[in-house]
Amino acid sequence: MVKLSGSMVALVSPFRSDGGLDEQALRGLIQFQLSNGTDGIVPCGTTGEGVTISDEETKRLVSIVLEEVDGRVPVVAGAGSNSTMVAVQKAKAMASLGVDAILSVAPYYNKPTQQGLYEHFRAVAEDGGVPVVVYNVPGRTSCNILPETILKLSELDQIVAVKEASGDLTQVMEIIRGTDHLAVLSGDDALTLPMLALGAKGVISVVANEAPSMMHSLVRSALEGDWEKAREIHYKLFPLMQANFIETNPIPVKAAVALLGLINETYRLPLVPPSQKTRNAMQRMLYTLGLLDPQEQT
């Protein structure tokens, strides 16, 4: 069973100016991540605009990621749905491609009970044929998976991790205290350092799109007990972590990755480009961190 830890990037999805998948840019993004120490690639999630990518595009995108990664780090593909039947189908499709695990978000819109959440993820785990990372992000789903439900799910062999983005450190502590075989991963860059101090194993990171080496060093330093170094990197990255959410994720981070010259700045509706004020702010952050050449600053 796959073990997930370290700094894993919630990868942006590059599109051409005509809206189609930019396969060349995608390959470049993967190599950029691998050359900068990223510990895992997570395509087709929230940051990857997974909800506006068709099933066929998802298969193609994930196939390219797997080809470029070539087994060097785990690939955890976004494959969730608010329909349990569809979530199982998506899990099976990703399993057939050979991903290491899937990231399966809590059912949005339906607002199921805790028992409904348990039965949903049990079906995905037992019928999907692939290890599952449960994704708890109440701010997106209007549905919080409570610690007791996560702990019950942790008893299922195919549930290997939880991406915790509730923003509630008490909830995180209850999960970590209650199980020693479920990897807790931060779903909030700014809370990664305190979560690691509490016993989390890593992060599925937005800021790793822009600063993969720094985020890798932050997490690795914390896991190795070098808290002074981890804190130093955290506070350097903290303004950029915050700036990534000036507007709805992934609008700011995608603008930043475009400023780095890695992708075209193309979004899919209903997402639209950021305001010029936001784009300028992202440019200043990249310049301050030394990620962008000063001559590129406007």
C-alpha atoms as a PDB file:
ATOM      1  CA  MET A   1       0.000   0.000   0.000  1.00  0.00           C
ATOM      2  CA  VAL A   2       1.293   3.444  -0.937  1.00  0.00           C
ATOM      3  CA  LYS A   3       2.683   5.628   1.845  1.00  0.00           C
ATOM      4  CA  LEU A   4       2.197   9.343   1.303  1.00  0.00           C
ATOM      5  CA  SER A   5       4.346  12.004   2.926  1.00  0.00           C
ATOM      6  CA  GLY A   6       6.301  15.147   2.213  1.00  0.00           C
ATOM      7  CA  SER A   7       5.387  18.048  -0.067  1.00  0.00           C
ATOM      8  CA  MET A   8       2.992  16.973  -2.792  1.00  0.00           C
ATOM      9  CA  VAL A   9       1.885  19.566  -5.316  1.00  0.00           C
ATOM     10  CA  ALA A  10      -1.777  20.221  -6.103  1.00  0.00           C
ATOM     11  CA  LEU A  11      -0.872  20.756  -9.741  1.00  0.00           C
ATOM     12  CA  VAL A  12      -2.410  23.482 -11.893  1.00  0.00           C
ATOM     13  CA  SER A  13      -3.780  22.351 -15.257  1.00  0.00           C
ATOM     14  CA  PRO A  14      -2.253  24.186 -18.246  1.00  0.00           C
ATOM     15  CA  PHE A  15      -4.581  25.081 -21.105  1.00  0.00           C
ATOM     16  CA  ARG A  16      -3.835  26.471 -24.543  1.00  0.00           C
ATOM     17  CA  SER A  17      -5.264  29.829 -25.572  1.00  0.00           C
ATOM     18  CA  ASP A  18      -8.075  27.957 -27.357  1.00  0.00           C
ATOM     19  CA  GLY A  19      -8.998  26.237 -24.077  1.00  0.00           C
ATOM     20  CA  GLY A  20      -7.625  22.777 -24.836  1.00  0.00           C
ATOM     21  CA  LEU A  21      -5.161  20.879 -22.664  1.00  0.00           C
ATOM     22  CA  ASP A  22      -1.597  22.115 -23.212  1.00  0.00           C
ATOM     23  CA  GLU A  23       0.276  18.816 -23.186  1.00  0.00           C
ATOM     24  CA  GLN A  24       3.702  20.325 -23.785  1.00  0.00           C
ATOM     25  CA  ALA A  25       3.323  22.736 -20.865  1.00  0.00           C
ATOM     26  CA  LEU A  26       2.047  19.905 -18.673  1.00  0.00           C
ATOM     27  CA  ARG A  27       5.162  17.856 -19.339  1.00  0.00           C
ATOM     28  CA  GLY A  28       7.277  20.885 -18.512  1.00  0.00           C
ATOM     29  CA  LEU A  29       5.420  21.411 -15.238  1.00  0.00           C
ATOM     30  CA  ILE A  30       6.058  17.834 -14.159  1.00  0.00           C
ATOM     31  CA  GLN A  31       9.766  18.068 -14.897  1.00  0.00           C
ATOM     32  CA  PHE A  32       9.931  21.404 -13.051  1.00  0.00           C
ATOM     33  CA  GLN A  33       8.350  19.763 -10.005  1.00  0.00           C
ATOM     34  CA  LEU A  34      10.547  16.686 -10.083  1.00  0.00           C
ATOM     35  CA  SER A  35      13.739  18.703 -10.498  1.00  0.00           C
ATOM     36  CA  ASN A  36      12.791  20.773  -7.433  1.00  0.00           C
ATOM     37  CA  GLY A  37      12.225  17.908  -5.019  1.00  0.00           C
ATOM     38  CA  THR A  38       8.448  17.559  -5.000  1.00  0.00           C
ATOM     39  CA  ASP A  39       7.430  14.347  -3.204  1.00  0.00           C
ATOM     40  CA  GLY A  40       4.208  13.651  -5.099  1.00  0.00           C
ATOM     41  CA  ILE A  41       2.036  14.944  -7.937  1.00  0.00           C
ATOM     42  CA  VAL A  42      -1.695  15.519  -7.426  1.00  0.00           C
ATOM     43  CA  PRO A  43      -3.387  16.414 -10.748  1.00  0.00           C
ATOM     44  CA  CYS A  44      -7.052  17.191 -11.420  1.00  0.00           C
ATOM     45  CA  GLY A  45      -7.894  18.460  -7.958  1.00  0.00           C
ATOM     46  CA  THR A  46      -9.329  21.837  -6.966  1.00  0.00           C
ATOM     47  CA  THR A  47      -6.167  23.697  -7.990  1.00  0.00           C
ATOM     48  CA  GLY A  48      -6.145  21.718 -11.246  1.00  0.00           C
ATOM     49  CA  GLU A  49      -9.677  22.861 -12.144  1.00  0.00           C
ATOM     50  CA  GLY A  50     -10.698  19.211 -12.113  1.00  0.00           C
ATOM     51  CA  VAL A  51     -14.422  19.949 -12.116  1.00  0.00           C
ATOM     52  CA  THR A  52     -14.205  21.571 -15.570  1.00  0.00           C
ATOM     53  CA  ILE A  53     -12.055  18.874 -17.180  1.00  0.00           C
ATOM     54  CA  SER A  54     -13.908  16.162 -19.095  1.00  0.00           C
ATOM     55  CA  ASP A  55     -13.455  12.475 -18.316  1.00  0.00           C
ATOM     56  CA  GLU A  56     -11.463  11.944 -21.502  1.00  0.00           C
ATOM     57  CA  GLU A  57      -9.254  14.950 -20.794  1.00  0.00           C
ATOM     58  CA  THR A  58      -8.701  13.687 -17.256  1.00  0.00           C
ATOM     59  CA  LYS A  59      -7.534  10.317 -18.544  1.00  0.00           C
ATOM     60  CA  ARG A  60      -5.178  11.988 -21.006  1.00  0.00           C
ATOM     61  CA  LEU A  61      -3.833  14.442 -18.425  1.00  0.00           C
ATOM     62  CA  VAL A  62      -3.218  11.749 -15.812  1.00  0.00           C
ATOM     63  CA  SER A  63      -1.629   9.458 -18.414  1.00  0.00           C
ATOM     64  CA  ILE A  64       0.861  12.190 -19.293  1.00  0.00           C
ATOM     65  CA  VAL A  65       1.643  12.771 -15.613  1.00  0.00           C
ATOM     66  CA  LEU A  66       2.276   9.055 -15.090  1.00  0.00           C
ATOM     67  CA  GLU A  67       4.473   8.899 -18.183  1.00  0.00           C
ATOM     68  CA  GLU A  68       6.591  11.884 -17.116  1.00  0.00           C
ATOM     69  CA  VAL A  69       6.841  10.813 -13.464  1.00  0.00           C
ATOM     70  CA  ASP A  70       7.798   7.268 -14.458  1.00  0.00           C
ATOM     71  CA  GLY A  71       7.441   5.915 -10.913  1.00  0.00           C
ATOM     72  CA  ARG A  72       9.764   8.439  -9.269  1.00  0.00           C
ATOM     73  CA  VAL A  73       7.112   9.849  -6.922  1.00  0.00           C
ATOM     74  CA  PRO A  74       3.490   8.908  -6.130  1.00  0.00           C
ATOM     75  CA  VAL A  75       0.736  10.187  -8.398  1.00  0.00           C
ATOM     76  CA  VAL A  76      -2.569  10.884  -6.607  1.00  0.00           C
ATOM     77  CA  ALA A  77      -5.281  11.768  -9.118  1.00  0.00           C
ATOM     78  CA  GLY A  78      -8.341  13.834  -8.259  1.00  0.00           C
ATOM     79  CA  ALA A  79     -11.355  11.591  -8.823  1.00  0.00           C
ATOM     80  CA  GLY A  80     -14.230  12.720  -6.640  1.00  0.00           C
ATOM     81  CA  SER A  81     -17.911  13.367  -7.204  1.00  0.00           C
ATOM     82  CA  ASN A  82     -21.034  14.168  -5.228  1.00  0.00           C
ATOM     83  CA  SER A  83     -22.575  11.057  -6.792  1.00  0.00           C
ATOM     84  CA  THR A  84     -21.243   7.890  -5.178  1.00  0.00           C
ATOM     85  CA  MET A  85     -21.852   5.911  -8.353  1.00  0.00           C
ATOM     86  CA  VAL A  86     -19.863   8.402 -10.424  1.00  0.00           C
ATOM     87  CA  ALA A  87     -17.107   8.586  -7.780  1.00  0.00           C
ATOM     88  CA  VAL A  88     -16.681   4.796  -7.977  1.00  0.00           C
ATOM     89  CA  GLN A  89     -16.579   4.949 -11.784  1.00  0.00           C
ATOM     90  CA  LYS A  90     -13.918   7.656 -11.674  1.00  0.00           C
ATOM     91  CA  ALA A  91     -11.892   5.659  -9.162  1.00  0.00           C
ATOM     92  CA  LYS A  92     -11.987   2.621 -11.435  1.00  0.00           C
ATOM     93  CA  ALA A  93     -10.885   4.718 -14.409  1.00  0.00           C
ATOM     94  CA  MET A  94      -7.900   6.052 -12.482  1.00  0.00           C
ATOM     95  CA  ALA A  95      -7.067   2.582 -11.166  1.00  0.00           C
ATOM     96  CA  SER A  96      -6.938   1.294 -14.752  1.00  0.00           C
ATOM     97  CA  LEU A  97      -4.335   3.962 -15.576  1.00  0.00           C
ATOM     98  CA  GLY A  98      -2.106   2.846 -12.709  1.00  0.00           C
ATOM     99  CA  VAL A  99      -2.187   5.809 -10.326  1.00  0.00           C
ATOM    100  CA  ASP A 100      -0.856   5.243  -6.817  1.00  0.00           C
ATOM    101  CA  ALA A 101      -3.994   6.648  -5.177  1.00  0.00           C
ATOM    102  CA  ILE A 102      -6.935   8.945  -5.799  1.00  0.00           C
ATOM    103  CA  LEU A 103      -7.998  12.126  -4.024  1.00  0.00           C
ATOM    104  CA  SER A 104     -11.723  11.802  -3.365  1.00  0.00           C
ATOM    105  CA  VAL A 105     -13.540  14.903  -2.141  1.00  0.00           C
ATOM    106  CA  ALA A 106     -16.475  14.836   0.274  1.00  0.00           C
ATOM    107  CA  PRO A 107     -19.777  14.899  -1.630  1.00  0.00           C
ATOM    108  CA  TYR A 108     -20.646  18.533  -2.283  1.00  0.00           C
ATOM    109  CA  TYR A 109     -24.145  20.037  -2.588  1.00  0.00           C
ATOM    110  CA  ASN A 110     -25.933  16.913  -1.271  1.00  0.00           C
ATOM    111  CA  LYS A 111     -24.928  17.678   2.358  1.00  0.00           C
ATOM    112  CA  PRO A 112     -25.028  14.017   3.489  1.00  0.00           C
ATOM    113  CA  THR A 113     -25.093  12.922   7.115  1.00  0.00           C
ATOM    114  CA  GLN A 114     -21.978  11.469   8.728  1.00  0.00           C
ATOM    115  CA  GLN A 115     -23.367   7.995   8.047  1.00  0.00           C
ATOM    116  CA  GLY A 116     -23.891   8.976   4.423  1.00  0.00           C
ATOM    117  CA  LEU A 117     -20.307  10.204   4.211  1.00  0.00           C
ATOM    118  CA  TYR A 118     -19.045   6.941   5.656  1.00  0.00           C
ATOM    119  CA  GLU A 119     -21.076   4.856   3.199  1.00  0.00           C
ATOM    120  CA  HIS A 120     -19.944   7.031   0.279  1.00  0.00           C
ATOM    121  CA  PHE A 121     -16.253   6.599   1.007  1.00  0.00           C
ATOM    122  CA  ARG A 122     -16.681   2.944   1.941  1.00  0.00           C
ATOM    123  CA  ALA A 123     -18.149   2.327  -1.525  1.00  0.00           C
ATOM    124  CA  VAL A 124     -15.315   4.197  -3.225  1.00  0.00           C
ATOM    125  CA  ALA A 125     -12.716   2.330  -1.164  1.00  0.00           C
ATOM    126  CA  GLU A 126     -14.211  -1.125  -1.598  1.00  0.00           C
ATOM    127  CA  ASP A 127     -15.339  -0.868  -5.223  1.00  0.00           C
ATOM    128  CA  GLY A 128     -12.892   1.597  -6.786  1.00  0.00           C
ATOM    129  CA  GLY A 129      -9.872  -0.695  -6.826  1.00  0.00           C
ATOM    130  CA  VAL A 130      -7.351   1.969  -5.797  1.00  0.00           C
ATOM    131  CA  PRO A 131      -6.070   3.479  -2.517  1.00  0.00           C
ATOM    132  CA  VAL A 132      -8.070   6.518  -1.422  1.00  0.00           C
ATOM    133  CA  VAL A 133      -7.106   9.866   0.086  1.00  0.00           C
ATOM    134  CA  VAL A 134     -10.232  11.334   1.679  1.00  0.00           C
ATOM    135  CA  TYR A 135     -10.440  15.074   1.004  1.00  0.00           C
ATOM    136  CA  ASN A 136     -12.179  17.136   3.668  1.00  0.00           C
ATOM    137  CA  VAL A 137     -12.661  20.740   2.545  1.00  0.00           C
ATOM    138  CA  PRO A 138     -15.848  22.147   4.123  1.00  0.00           C
ATOM    139  CA  GLY A 139     -15.290  25.578   2.602  1.00  0.00           C
ATOM    140  CA  ARG A 140     -15.870  24.036  -0.834  1.00  0.00           C
ATOM    141  CA  THR A 141     -18.372  21.310  -0.014  1.00  0.00           C
ATOM    142  CA  SER A 142     -20.506  22.755   2.833  1.00  0.00           C
ATOM    143  CA  CYS A 143     -19.941  19.388   4.498  1.00  0.00           C
ATOM    144  CA  ASN A 144     -17.439  18.629   7.268  1.00  0.00           C
ATOM    145  CA  ILE A 145     -16.241  15.049   7.742  1.00  0.00           C
ATOM    146  CA  LEU A 146     -16.018  14.750  11.518  1.00  0.00           C
ATOM    147  CA  PRO A 147     -13.032  13.057  13.200  1.00  0.00           C
ATOM    148  CA  GLU A 148     -15.102  10.081  14.345  1.00  0.00           C
ATOM    149  CA  THR A 149     -16.105   9.433  10.726  1.00  0.00           C
ATOM    150  CA  ILE A 150     -12.493   9.718   9.512  1.00  0.00           C
ATOM    151  CA  LEU A 151     -11.375   7.311  12.242  1.00  0.00           C
ATOM    152  CA  LYS A 152     -14.070   4.831  11.268  1.00  0.00           C
ATOM    153  CA  LEU A 153     -12.977   5.125   7.619  1.00  0.00           C
ATOM    154  CA  SER A 154      -9.348   4.572   8.634  1.00  0.00           C
ATOM    155  CA  GLU A 155     -10.256   0.993   9.505  1.00  0.00           C
ATOM    156  CA  LEU A 156     -10.800   0.283   5.794  1.00  0.00           C
ATOM    157  CA  ASP A 157      -7.663  -1.034   4.106  1.00  0.00           C
ATOM    158  CA  GLN A 158      -7.974   1.132   0.989  1.00  0.00           C
ATOM    159  CA  ILE A 159      -8.268   4.417   2.920  1.00  0.00           C
ATOM    160  CA  VAL A 160      -4.621   5.498   3.214  1.00  0.00           C
ATOM    161  CA  ALA A 161      -4.747   9.211   4.044  1.00  0.00           C
ATOM    162  CA  VAL A 162      -6.892  12.246   4.677  1.00  0.00           C
ATOM    163  CA  LYS A 163      -6.272  15.677   3.194  1.00  0.00           C
ATOM    164  CA  GLU A 164      -7.497  17.897   6.021  1.00  0.00           C
ATOM    165  CA  ALA A 165      -8.545  21.385   4.938  1.00  0.00           C
ATOM    166  CA  SER A 166     -11.124  22.147   7.612  1.00  0.00           C
ATOM    167  CA  GLY A 167      -8.835  24.736   9.204  1.00  0.00           C
ATOM    168  CA  ASP A 168      -9.631  23.209  12.606  1.00  0.00           C
ATOM    169  CA  LEU A 169      -6.476  22.100  14.421  1.00  0.00           C
ATOM    170  CA  THR A 170      -8.539  20.506  17.190  1.00  0.00           C
ATOM    171  CA  GLN A 171     -10.125  18.272  14.572  1.00  0.00           C
ATOM    172  CA  VAL A 172      -6.671  17.455  13.191  1.00  0.00           C
ATOM    173  CA  MET A 173      -5.432  16.491  16.653  1.00  0.00           C
ATOM    174  CA  GLU A 174      -8.408  14.220  17.260  1.00  0.00           C
ATOM    175  CA  ILE A 175      -7.665  12.349  14.035  1.00  0.00           C
ATOM    176  CA  ILE A 176      -3.932  12.015  14.673  1.00  0.00           C
ATOM    177  CA  ARG A 177      -4.492  10.917  18.260  1.00  0.00           C
ATOM    178  CA  GLY A 178      -7.041   8.331  17.166  1.00  0.00           C
ATOM    179  CA  THR A 179      -5.058   6.454  14.513  1.00  0.00           C
ATOM    180  CA  ASP A 180      -1.445   5.577  13.793  1.00  0.00           C
ATOM    181  CA  HIS A 181      -1.918   4.066  10.329  1.00  0.00           C
ATOM    182  CA  LEU A 182      -3.699   6.885   8.484  1.00  0.00           C
ATOM    183  CA  ALA A 183      -1.505   9.631   7.003  1.00  0.00           C
ATOM    184  CA  VAL A 184      -2.867  13.075   7.800  1.00  0.00           C
ATOM    185  CA  LEU A 185      -1.934  15.581   5.088  1.00  0.00           C
ATOM    186  CA  SER A 186      -2.406  19.319   5.319  1.00  0.00           C
ATOM    187  CA  GLY A 187      -4.795  20.826   2.800  1.00  0.00           C
ATOM    188  CA  ASP A 188      -3.914  24.371   3.834  1.00  0.00           C
ATOM    189  CA  ASP A 189      -0.380  25.608   3.132  1.00  0.00           C
ATOM    190  CA  ALA A 190      -0.430  28.127   5.968  1.00  0.00           C
ATOM    191  CA  LEU A 191      -1.309  25.433   8.528  1.00  0.00           C
ATOM    192  CA  THR A 192       1.220  22.884   7.285  1.00  0.00           C
ATOM    193  CA  LEU A 193       3.918  23.688   9.835  1.00  0.00           C
ATOM    194  CA  PRO A 194       1.640  23.465  12.908  1.00  0.00           C
ATOM    195  CA  MET A 195       0.031  20.313  11.514  1.00  0.00           C
ATOM    196  CA  LEU A 196       3.453  18.712  11.058  1.00  0.00           C
ATOM    197  CA  ALA A 197       4.270  19.617  14.644  1.00  0.00           C
ATOM    198  CA  LEU A 198       1.100  17.776  15.693  1.00  0.00           C
ATOM    199  CA  GLY A 199       2.040  14.649  13.731  1.00  0.00           C
ATOM    200  CA  ALA A 200       0.843  15.170  10.171  1.00  0.00           C
ATOM    201  CA  LYS A 201       2.926  13.508   7.448  1.00  0.00           C
ATOM    202  CA  GLY A 202       2.927  16.175   4.759  1.00  0.00           C
ATOM    203  CA  VAL A 203       0.907  18.526   2.599  1.00  0.00           C
ATOM    204  CA  ILE A 204      -0.932  18.639  -0.709  1.00  0.00           C
ATOM    205  CA  SER A 205       0.247  22.114  -1.556  1.00  0.00           C
ATOM    206  CA  VAL A 206      -0.836  25.033  -3.712  1.00  0.00           C
ATOM    207  CA  VAL A 207       2.287  27.125  -3.111  1.00  0.00           C
ATOM    208  CA  ALA A 208       4.440  24.224  -4.323  1.00  0.00           C
ATOM    209  CA  ASN A 209       3.348  25.200  -7.849  1.00  0.00           C
ATOM    210  CA  GLU A 210       5.392  28.382  -7.503  1.00  0.00           C
ATOM    211  CA  ALA A 211       8.050  27.382  -4.954  1.00  0.00           C
ATOM    212  CA  PRO A 212       8.389  23.580  -4.981  1.00  0.00           C
ATOM    213  CA  SER A 213      11.939  23.500  -3.631  1.00  0.00           C
ATOM    214  CA  MET A 214      11.134  25.783  -0.705  1.00  0.00           C
ATOM    215  CA  MET A 215       7.989  23.869   0.228  1.00  0.00           C
ATOM    216  CA  HIS A 216       9.857  20.575   0.007  1.00  0.00           C
ATOM    217  CA  SER A 217      12.570  21.952   2.296  1.00  0.00           C
ATOM    218  CA  LEU A 218      10.008  23.257   4.788  1.00  0.00           C
ATOM    219  CA  VAL A 219       8.263  19.899   5.096  1.00  0.00           C
ATOM    220  CA  ARG A 220      11.448  17.827   5.063  1.00  0.00           C
ATOM    221  CA  SER A 221      13.049  20.024   7.734  1.00  0.00           C
ATOM    222  CA  ALA A 222      10.007  19.638   9.990  1.00  0.00           C
ATOM    223  CA  LEU A 223       9.818  15.877   9.490  1.00  0.00           C
ATOM    224  CA  GLU A 224      13.520  15.638  10.372  1.00  0.00           C
ATOM    225  CA  GLY A 225      13.055  17.766  13.484  1.00  0.00           C
ATOM    226  CA  ASP A 226      14.825  20.895  12.261  1.00  0.00           C
ATOM    227  CA  TRP A 227      12.070  23.212  13.453  1.00  0.00           C
ATOM    228  CA  GLU A 228      14.182  26.374  13.278  1.00  0.00           C
ATOM    229  CA  LYS A 229      14.815  25.898   9.564  1.00  0.00           C
ATOM    230  CA  ALA A 230      11.206  24.875   8.940  1.00  0.00           C
ATOM    231  CA  ARG A 231       9.961  28.017  10.714  1.00  0.00           C
ATOM    232  CA  GLU A 232      12.329  30.220   8.744  1.00  0.00           C
ATOM    233  CA  ILE A 233      11.061  28.868   5.412  1.00  0.00           C
ATOM    234  CA  HIS A 234       7.448  29.006   6.594  1.00  0.00           C
ATOM    235  CA  TYR A 235       7.619  32.712   7.352  1.00  0.00           C
ATOM    236  CA  LYS A 236       9.338  33.425   4.030  1.00  0.00           C
ATOM    237  CA  LEU A 237       6.585  31.598   2.152  1.00  0.00           C
ATOM    238  CA  PHE A 238       3.696  32.742   4.350  1.00  0.00           C
ATOM    239  CA  PRO A 239       2.880  35.943   2.390  1.00  0.00           C
ATOM    240  CA  LEU A 240       2.764  33.967  -0.870  1.00  0.00           C
ATOM    241  CA  MET A 241       0.624  31.287   0.781  1.00  0.00           C
ATOM    242  CA  GLN A 242      -1.843  34.016   1.719  1.00  0.00           C
ATOM    243  CA  ALA A 243      -1.645  35.766  -1.653  1.00  0.00           C
ATOM    244  CA  ASN A 244      -2.654  32.554  -3.425  1.00  0.00           C
ATOM    245  CA  PHE A 245      -6.111  33.059  -1.939  1.00  0.00           C
ATOM    246  CA  ILE A 246      -6.585  36.785  -2.605  1.00  0.00           C
ATOM    247  CA  GLU A 247      -9.057  35.575  -5.202  1.00  0.00           C
ATOM    248  CA  THR A 248     -10.570  32.116  -5.596  1.00  0.00           C
ATOM    249  CA  ASN A 249      -7.993  29.336  -5.925  1.00  0.00           C
ATOM    250  CA  PRO A 250      -6.530  28.605  -8.467  1.00  0.00           C
ATOM    251  CA  ILE A 251      -6.833  32.065 -10.053  1.00  0.00           C
ATOM    252  CA  PRO A 252      -3.853  33.727  -8.286  1.00  0.00           C
ATOM    253  CA  VAL A 253      -1.535  30.709  -8.345  1.00  0.00           C
ATOM    254  CA  LYS A 254      -2.198  30.114 -12.021  1.00  0.00           C
ATOM    255  CA  ALA A 255      -1.372  33.752 -12.751  1.00  0.00           C
ATOM    256  CA  ALA A 256       1.869  33.318 -10.795  1.00  0.00           C
ATOM    257  CA  VAL A 257       2.865  30.139 -12.637  1.00  0.00           C
ATOM    258  CA  ALA A 258       2.217  31.985 -15.909  1.00  0.00           C
ATOM    259  CA  LEU A 259       4.452  34.833 -14.714  1.00  0.00           C
ATOM    260  CA  LEU A 260       7.169  32.225 -14.173  1.00  0.00           C
ATOM    261  CA  GLY A 261       6.837  31.352 -17.857  1.00  0.00           C
ATOM    262  CA  LEU A 262       5.668  27.783 -17.258  1.00  0.00           C
ATOM    263  CA  ILE A 263       2.121  28.004 -18.666  1.00  0.00           C
ATOM    264  CA  ASN A 264      -0.254  30.223 -20.595  1.00  0.00           C
ATOM    265  CA  GLU A 265      -2.604  32.068 -18.293  1.00  0.00           C
ATOM    266  CA  THR A 266      -5.816  30.399 -19.467  1.00  0.00           C
ATOM    267  CA  TYR A 267      -8.773  29.510 -17.253  1.00  0.00           C
ATOM    268  CA  ARG A 268     -12.028  27.688 -17.810  1.00  0.00           C
ATOM    269  CA  LEU A 269     -15.301  29.369 -16.998  1.00  0.00           C
ATOM    270  CA  PRO A 270     -16.699  30.056 -14.511  1.00  0.00           C
ATOM    271  CA  LEU A 271     -13.154  30.977 -13.440  1.00  0.00           C
ATOM    272  CA  VAL A 272     -11.761  34.140 -15.025  1.00  0.00           C
ATOM    273  CA  PRO A 273      -8.369  35.892 -14.945  1.00  0.00           C
ATOM    274  CA  PRO A 274      -7.469  37.890 -11.830  1.00  0.00           C
ATOM    275  CA  SER A 275      -7.648  41.636 -11.495  1.00  0.00           C
ATOM    276  CA  GLN A 276      -4.522  43.563 -12.426  1.00  0.00           C
ATOM    277  CA  LYS A 277      -4.111  44.389  -8.737  1.00  0.00           C
ATOM    278  CA  THR A 278      -3.928  40.679  -7.885  1.00  0.00           C
ATOM    279  CA  ARG A 279      -1.564  39.938 -10.765  1.00  0.00           C
ATOM    280  CA  ASN A 280       0.735  42.753  -9.637  1.00  0.00           C
ATOM    281  CA  ALA A 281       0.664  41.425  -6.073  1.00  0.00           C
ATOM    282  CA  MET A 282       1.638  37.943  -7.237  1.00  0.00           C
ATOM    283  CA  GLN A 283       4.462  39.388  -9.315  1.00  0.00           C
ATOM    284  CA  ARG A 284       5.825  41.295  -6.312  1.00  0.00           C
ATOM    285  CA  MET A 285       5.696  38.143  -4.167  1.00  0.00           C
ATOM    286  CA  LEU A 286       7.628  36.120  -6.740  1.00  0.00           C
ATOM    287  CA  TYR A 287      10.198  38.892  -7.056  1.00  0.00           C
ATOM    288  CA  THR A 288      10.629  39.185  -3.280  1.00  0.00           C
ATOM    289  CA  LEU A 289      11.237  35.426  -2.947  1.00  0.00           C
ATOM    290  CA  GLY A 290      13.756  35.435  -5.770  1.00  0.00           C
ATOM    291  CA  LEU A 291      11.549  33.252  -7.942  1.00  0.00           C
ATOM    292  CA  LEU A 292      11.191  35.886 -10.667  1.00  0.00           C
ATOM    293  CA  ASP A 293      13.959  37.930 -12.249  1.00  0.00           C
ATOM    294  CA  PRO A 294      13.798  41.587 -11.090  1.00  0.00           C
ATOM    295  CA  GLN A 295      13.843  42.681 -14.727  1.00  0.00           C
ATOM    296  CA  GLU A 296      10.511  40.924 -15.202  1.00  0.00           C
ATOM    297  CA  GLN A 297       8.806  43.096 -12.583  1.00  0.00           C
ATOM    298  CA  THR A 298       6.486  45.828 -13.839  1.00  0.00           C
END
